[in-house]
C-alpha atoms as a PDB file:
ATOM      1  CA  MET A   1       7.845  18.135   3.336  1.00  0.00           C
ATOM      2  CA  ASN A   2       6.549  14.488   1.490  1.00  0.00           C
ATOM      3  CA  LYS A   3       9.030  11.609   2.406  1.00  0.00           C
ATOM      4  CA  ILE A   4       9.301   8.894  -0.079  1.00  0.00           C
ATOM      5  CA  LEU A   5       9.996   5.183   1.406  1.00  0.00           C
ATOM      6  CA  VAL A   6      13.018   3.764  -0.708  1.00  0.00           C
ATOM      7  CA  SER A   7      14.291   0.103  -1.383  1.00  0.00           C
ATOM      8  CA  ALA A   8      18.110   0.213   0.746  1.00  0.00           C
ATOM      9  CA  CYS A   9      19.215  -1.770  -2.302  1.00  0.00           C
ATOM     10  CA  LEU A  10      18.390   1.380  -4.807  1.00  0.00           C
ATOM     11  CA  MET A  11      20.317   3.411  -2.361  1.00  0.00           C
ATOM     12  CA  GLY A  12      23.196   1.367  -3.012  1.00  0.00           C
ATOM     13  CA  HIS A  13      23.187  -0.562   0.400  1.00  0.00           C
ATOM     14  CA  ALA A  14      24.346  -4.616  -0.652  1.00  0.00           C
ATOM     15  CA  VAL A  15      20.964  -6.125   0.578  1.00  0.00           C
ATOM     16  CA  ARG A  16      19.774  -8.295  -2.165  1.00  0.00           C
ATOM     17  CA  TYR A  17      19.543 -11.772  -2.078  1.00  0.00           C
ATOM     18  CA  ASP A  18      22.722 -12.328  -3.886  1.00  0.00           C
ATOM     19  CA  GLY A  19      24.292 -10.042  -1.697  1.00  0.00           C
ATOM     20  CA  GLN A  20      23.794  -7.344  -4.310  1.00  0.00           C
ATOM     21  CA  ALA A  21      23.218  -3.385  -4.632  1.00  0.00           C
ATOM     22  CA  LYS A  22      21.234  -2.369  -7.395  1.00  0.00           C
ATOM     23  CA  PRO A  23      21.687   1.702  -7.339  1.00  0.00           C
ATOM     24  CA  LEU A  24      19.358   3.605  -8.420  1.00  0.00           C
ATOM     25  CA  LEU A  25      21.181   6.806 -10.953  1.00  0.00           C
ATOM     26  CA  HIS A  26      18.847   9.653 -11.414  1.00  0.00           C
ATOM     27  CA  PRO A  27      19.006  12.910 -10.725  1.00  0.00           C
ATOM     28  CA  ALA A  28      15.651  13.300  -8.708  1.00  0.00           C
ATOM     29  CA  ILE A  29      17.419  10.566  -6.070  1.00  0.00           C
ATOM     30  CA  ALA A  30      20.441  13.143  -5.175  1.00  0.00           C
ATOM     31  CA  ARG A  31      18.474  15.933  -4.931  1.00  0.00           C
ATOM     32  CA  TRP A  32      15.536  14.225  -2.397  1.00  0.00           C
ATOM     33  CA  VAL A  33      18.478  12.401  -0.303  1.00  0.00           C
ATOM     34  CA  GLU A  34      19.622  16.431  -0.539  1.00  0.00           C
ATOM     35  CA  GLU A  35      15.814  17.594   1.032  1.00  0.00           C
ATOM     36  CA  GLY A  36      16.145  14.520   3.726  1.00  0.00           C
ATOM     37  CA  ARG A  37      13.249  13.021   1.901  1.00  0.00           C
ATOM     38  CA  LEU A  38      14.128   9.604   1.466  1.00  0.00           C
ATOM     39  CA  VAL A  39      13.631   6.928   4.002  1.00  0.00           C
ATOM     40  CA  THR A  40      15.680   3.995   3.475  1.00  0.00           C
ATOM     41  CA  ILE A  41      14.540   0.133   4.112  1.00  0.00           C
ATOM     42  CA  CYS A  42      15.220  -3.266   2.867  1.00  0.00           C
ATOM     43  CA  PRO A  43      11.653  -4.979   4.135  1.00  0.00           C
ATOM     44  CA  GLU A  44      13.468  -8.329   4.094  1.00  0.00           C
ATOM     45  CA  MET A  45      16.314  -7.787   6.211  1.00  0.00           C
ATOM     46  CA  SER A  46      14.200  -5.723   8.686  1.00  0.00           C
ATOM     47  CA  ALA A  47      12.202  -9.077   9.118  1.00  0.00           C
ATOM     48  CA  GLY A  48      15.784 -10.788  10.009  1.00  0.00           C
ATOM     49  CA  MET A  49      16.741 -11.619   6.658  1.00  0.00           C
ATOM     50  CA  PRO A  50      20.398 -12.645   5.923  1.00  0.00           C
ATOM     51  CA  VAL A  51      22.260 -11.161   3.010  1.00  0.00           C
ATOM     52  CA  PRO A  52      22.937 -12.761   1.009  1.00  0.00           C
ATOM     53  CA  ARG A  53      19.705 -15.386   1.190  1.00  0.00           C
ATOM     54  CA  PRO A  54      18.379 -18.073  -1.040  1.00  0.00           C
ATOM     55  CA  PRO A  55      16.152 -16.756  -3.971  1.00  0.00           C
ATOM     56  CA  ALA A  56      12.351 -16.409  -3.350  1.00  0.00           C
ATOM     57  CA  GLU A  57       9.438 -16.077  -5.378  1.00  0.00           C
ATOM     58  CA  ILE A  58       5.420 -15.917  -4.329  1.00  0.00           C
ATOM     59  CA  GLU A  59       3.921 -19.848  -5.814  1.00  0.00           C
ATOM     60  CA  GLY A  60       1.456 -20.440  -8.176  1.00  0.00           C
ATOM     61  CA  GLY A  61       1.527 -17.127 -10.620  1.00  0.00           C
ATOM     62  CA  ALA A  62       0.147 -15.343  -7.752  1.00  0.00           C
ATOM     63  CA  ASP A  63       1.077 -11.855  -5.983  1.00  0.00           C
ATOM     64  CA  GLY A  64       1.081 -10.153  -2.993  1.00  0.00           C
ATOM     65  CA  GLU A  65      -2.411  -9.264  -2.664  1.00  0.00           C
ATOM     66  CA  ALA A  66      -2.913 -13.300  -2.442  1.00  0.00           C
ATOM     67  CA  VAL A  67       0.166 -13.497   0.306  1.00  0.00           C
ATOM     68  CA  LEU A  68      -1.585 -10.806   2.273  1.00  0.00           C
ATOM     69  CA  GLY A  69      -5.213 -12.465   1.722  1.00  0.00           C
ATOM     70  CA  GLY A  70      -3.628 -15.788   3.140  1.00  0.00           C
ATOM     71  CA  THR A  71      -4.489 -17.663  -0.201  1.00  0.00           C
ATOM     72  CA  ALA A  72      -0.414 -18.227  -1.660  1.00  0.00           C
ATOM     73  CA  ARG A  73       3.152 -18.443  -0.246  1.00  0.00           C
ATOM     74  CA  VAL A  74       5.933 -17.330  -0.572  1.00  0.00           C
ATOM     75  CA  VAL A  75       9.038 -20.104  -0.860  1.00  0.00           C
ATOM     76  CA  GLU A  76      12.655 -20.328  -1.552  1.00  0.00           C
ATOM     77  CA  ILE A  77      13.857 -21.754  -4.634  1.00  0.00           C
ATOM     78  CA  SER A  78      14.842 -24.310  -2.225  1.00  0.00           C
ATOM     79  CA  GLY A  79      11.250 -25.203  -1.257  1.00  0.00           C
ATOM     80  CA  GLY A  80      11.517 -23.189   2.552  1.00  0.00           C
ATOM     81  CA  ASP A  81       8.734 -21.486   3.209  1.00  0.00           C
ATOM     82  CA  VAL A  82       9.231 -17.624   4.153  1.00  0.00           C
ATOM     83  CA  THR A  83       5.442 -16.033   3.549  1.00  0.00           C
ATOM     84  CA  GLU A  84       5.603 -15.172   7.417  1.00  0.00           C
ATOM     85  CA  GLU A  85       8.872 -13.447   6.821  1.00  0.00           C
ATOM     86  CA  PHE A  86       7.693 -11.513   3.952  1.00  0.00           C
ATOM     87  CA  VAL A  87       4.382 -10.815   5.831  1.00  0.00           C
ATOM     88  CA  GLN A  88       6.604  -9.493   8.765  1.00  0.00           C
ATOM     89  CA  ALA A  89       8.713  -7.309   6.088  1.00  0.00           C
ATOM     90  CA  ALA A  90       5.988  -5.980   4.442  1.00  0.00           C
ATOM     91  CA  ARG A  91       4.724  -4.725   8.289  1.00  0.00           C
ATOM     92  CA  ASN A  92       7.851  -3.383   9.474  1.00  0.00           C
ATOM     93  CA  ALA A  93       7.602  -1.437   5.740  1.00  0.00           C
ATOM     94  CA  LEU A  94       4.732  -0.214   6.642  1.00  0.00           C
ATOM     95  CA  THR A  95       5.098   0.978  10.206  1.00  0.00           C
ATOM     96  CA  LEU A  96       8.813   3.066   9.616  1.00  0.00           C
ATOM     97  CA  ALA A  97       6.238   4.946   6.207  1.00  0.00           C
ATOM     98  CA  THR A  98       3.818   5.630   8.673  1.00  0.00           C
ATOM     99  CA  GLU A  99       5.601   6.698  11.356  1.00  0.00           C
ATOM    100  CA  THR A 100       8.372   8.843   9.163  1.00  0.00           C
ATOM    101  CA  GLY A 101       5.377  10.727   7.071  1.00  0.00           C
ATOM    102  CA  CYS A 102       5.876   8.628   3.919  1.00  0.00           C
ATOM    103  CA  ARG A 103       2.916   9.236   1.441  1.00  0.00           C
ATOM    104  CA  TYR A 104       5.211   7.151  -1.482  1.00  0.00           C
ATOM    105  CA  ALA A 105       7.276   4.284  -1.910  1.00  0.00           C
ATOM    106  CA  LEU A 106       9.766   3.673  -4.261  1.00  0.00           C
ATOM    107  CA  LEU A 107      10.537   0.368  -4.157  1.00  0.00           C
ATOM    108  CA  ILE A 108      12.819  -2.074  -6.582  1.00  0.00           C
ATOM    109  CA  ASP A 109      10.618  -4.113  -9.416  1.00  0.00           C
ATOM    110  CA  GLY A 110      10.243  -7.909  -9.596  1.00  0.00           C
ATOM    111  CA  SER A 111      11.438  -8.491  -6.216  1.00  0.00           C
ATOM    112  CA  PRO A 112       8.659 -10.812  -4.160  1.00  0.00           C
ATOM    113  CA  SER A 113       8.709  -7.689  -1.469  1.00  0.00           C
ATOM    114  CA  CYS A 114       9.039  -4.722  -3.484  1.00  0.00           C
ATOM    115  CA  GLY A 115       8.123  -5.610  -6.775  1.00  0.00           C
ATOM    116  CA  SER A 116       5.022  -2.781  -7.620  1.00  0.00           C
ATOM    117  CA  GLY A 117       4.514  -3.754 -11.497  1.00  0.00           C
ATOM    118  CA  PHE A 118       5.788  -6.828 -11.557  1.00  0.00           C
ATOM    119  CA  VAL A 119       6.926 -10.265  -9.778  1.00  0.00           C
ATOM    120  CA  TYR A 120       8.081 -13.345 -10.986  1.00  0.00           C
ATOM    121  CA  ASP A 121       5.977 -16.783 -11.012  1.00  0.00           C
ATOM    122  CA  GLY A 122       6.681 -18.845  -8.979  1.00  0.00           C
ATOM    123  CA  SER A 123       8.540 -21.293 -11.185  1.00  0.00           C
ATOM    124  CA  PHE A 124      12.165 -19.765 -11.207  1.00  0.00           C
ATOM    125  CA  SER A 125      12.320 -19.819 -14.459  1.00  0.00           C
ATOM    126  CA  GLY A 126      12.694 -16.115 -15.045  1.00  0.00           C
ATOM    127  CA  GLN A 127       8.732 -15.639 -16.007  1.00  0.00           C
ATOM    128  CA  LYS A 128       7.257 -12.429 -14.992  1.00  0.00           C
ATOM    129  CA  LEU A 129       3.706 -11.600 -14.775  1.00  0.00           C
ATOM    130  CA  ALA A 130       1.833  -7.987 -13.592  1.00  0.00           C
ATOM    131  CA  GLY A 131       1.585  -7.718  -9.922  1.00  0.00           C
ATOM    132  CA  SER A 132       2.614  -6.328  -6.273  1.00  0.00           C
ATOM    133  CA  GLY A 133       5.254  -7.982  -4.172  1.00  0.00           C
ATOM    134  CA  VAL A 134       4.355  -7.910  -0.237  1.00  0.00           C
ATOM    135  CA  THR A 135       5.584  -5.081   0.923  1.00  0.00           C
ATOM    136  CA  ALA A 136       4.073  -3.082  -2.471  1.00  0.00           C
ATOM    137  CA  ALA A 137       0.537  -4.635  -1.864  1.00  0.00           C
ATOM    138  CA  LEU A 138       0.432  -3.868   1.346  1.00  0.00           C
ATOM    139  CA  LEU A 139       1.562  -0.043   1.142  1.00  0.00           C
ATOM    140  CA  LYS A 140      -0.821   0.873  -1.394  1.00  0.00           C
ATOM    141  CA  GLN A 141      -3.610  -1.013   0.494  1.00  0.00           C
ATOM    142  CA  ALA A 142      -2.111   1.742   3.269  1.00  0.00           C
ATOM    143  CA  GLY A 143      -2.769   4.496   0.885  1.00  0.00           C
ATOM    144  CA  ILE A 144       0.807   5.020  -0.118  1.00  0.00           C
ATOM    145  CA  ALA A 145       1.488   6.074  -3.736  1.00  0.00           C
ATOM    146  CA  VAL A 146       3.809   2.826  -4.701  1.00  0.00           C
ATOM    147  CA  TYR A 147       6.634   3.552  -7.754  1.00  0.00           C
ATOM    148  CA  SER A 148       9.075   1.583  -9.442  1.00  0.00           C
ATOM    149  CA  ASP A 149      12.644   2.306 -10.449  1.00  0.00           C
ATOM    150  CA  ARG A 150      11.532   2.062 -13.669  1.00  0.00           C
ATOM    151  CA  ASN A 151       9.116   4.666 -12.815  1.00  0.00           C
ATOM    152  CA  VAL A 152      11.041   7.798 -11.335  1.00  0.00           C
ATOM    153  CA  GLU A 153       9.936  10.308 -13.537  1.00  0.00           C
ATOM    154  CA  MET A 154       6.281   9.840 -13.182  1.00  0.00           C
ATOM    155  CA  LEU A 155       7.710   9.959  -9.351  1.00  0.00           C
ATOM    156  CA  VAL A 156       8.653  13.441  -9.776  1.00  0.00           C
ATOM    157  CA  ALA A 157       5.672  14.626 -11.693  1.00  0.00           C
ATOM    158  CA  ARG A 158       3.378  12.974  -9.007  1.00  0.00           C
ATOM    159  CA  LEU A 159       5.300  14.724  -5.760  1.00  0.00           C
ATOM    160  CA  ALA A 160       5.940  17.953  -7.837  1.00  0.00           C
ATOM    161  CA  ALA A 161       2.278  18.250  -8.465  1.00  0.00           C
ATOM    162  CA  ASP A 162       0.601  17.116  -4.828  1.00  0.00           C
ATOM    163  CA  GLU A 163       3.557  19.905  -3.905  1.00  0.00           C
ATOM    164  CA  ALA A 164       1.914  22.763  -6.113  1.00  0.00           C
ATOM    165  CA  ASP A 165      -2.083  21.254  -5.101  1.00  0.00           C
ATOM    166  CA  THR A 166      -0.303  21.574  -1.400  1.00  0.00           C
ATOM    167  CA  ALA A 167       1.758  25.069  -1.931  1.00  0.00           C
ATOM    168  CA  GLY A 168      -1.600  26.771  -4.020  1.00  0.00           C
END
């Protein structure tokens, strides 16, 4: 059975930087829980970051690829550099995904860690830009198909197609 790595906040865990959850209510989620497909992680918490924690963004309009490449940092609104924590968080998520056989990931968009469609531009002004967070970028580099919480239907279709190919 194909497993899916999922952001803990989407599963109702209050682990976001602001101490909140962002539960994703979708029939596929309930089905996947029953099937035992979901592997839950909050990458930041896996790296020892507290809840709540200061908001953080990738500086300079860059994304997770740039952070992994060493050309950008993840900074808190207060100016603190949390790049190493976010890189460790990404490594932890990749290790868990690999160890549990996750071929897919369903991650909360906008996060400097889990964003897969967009991240914020580093100005803490709410400006979005296309790109991936650090964890999403590392998972993609490892060949894991990453989907945002806004694209559950795409993941449902991909999973069905992949499993039909395997069965046939």
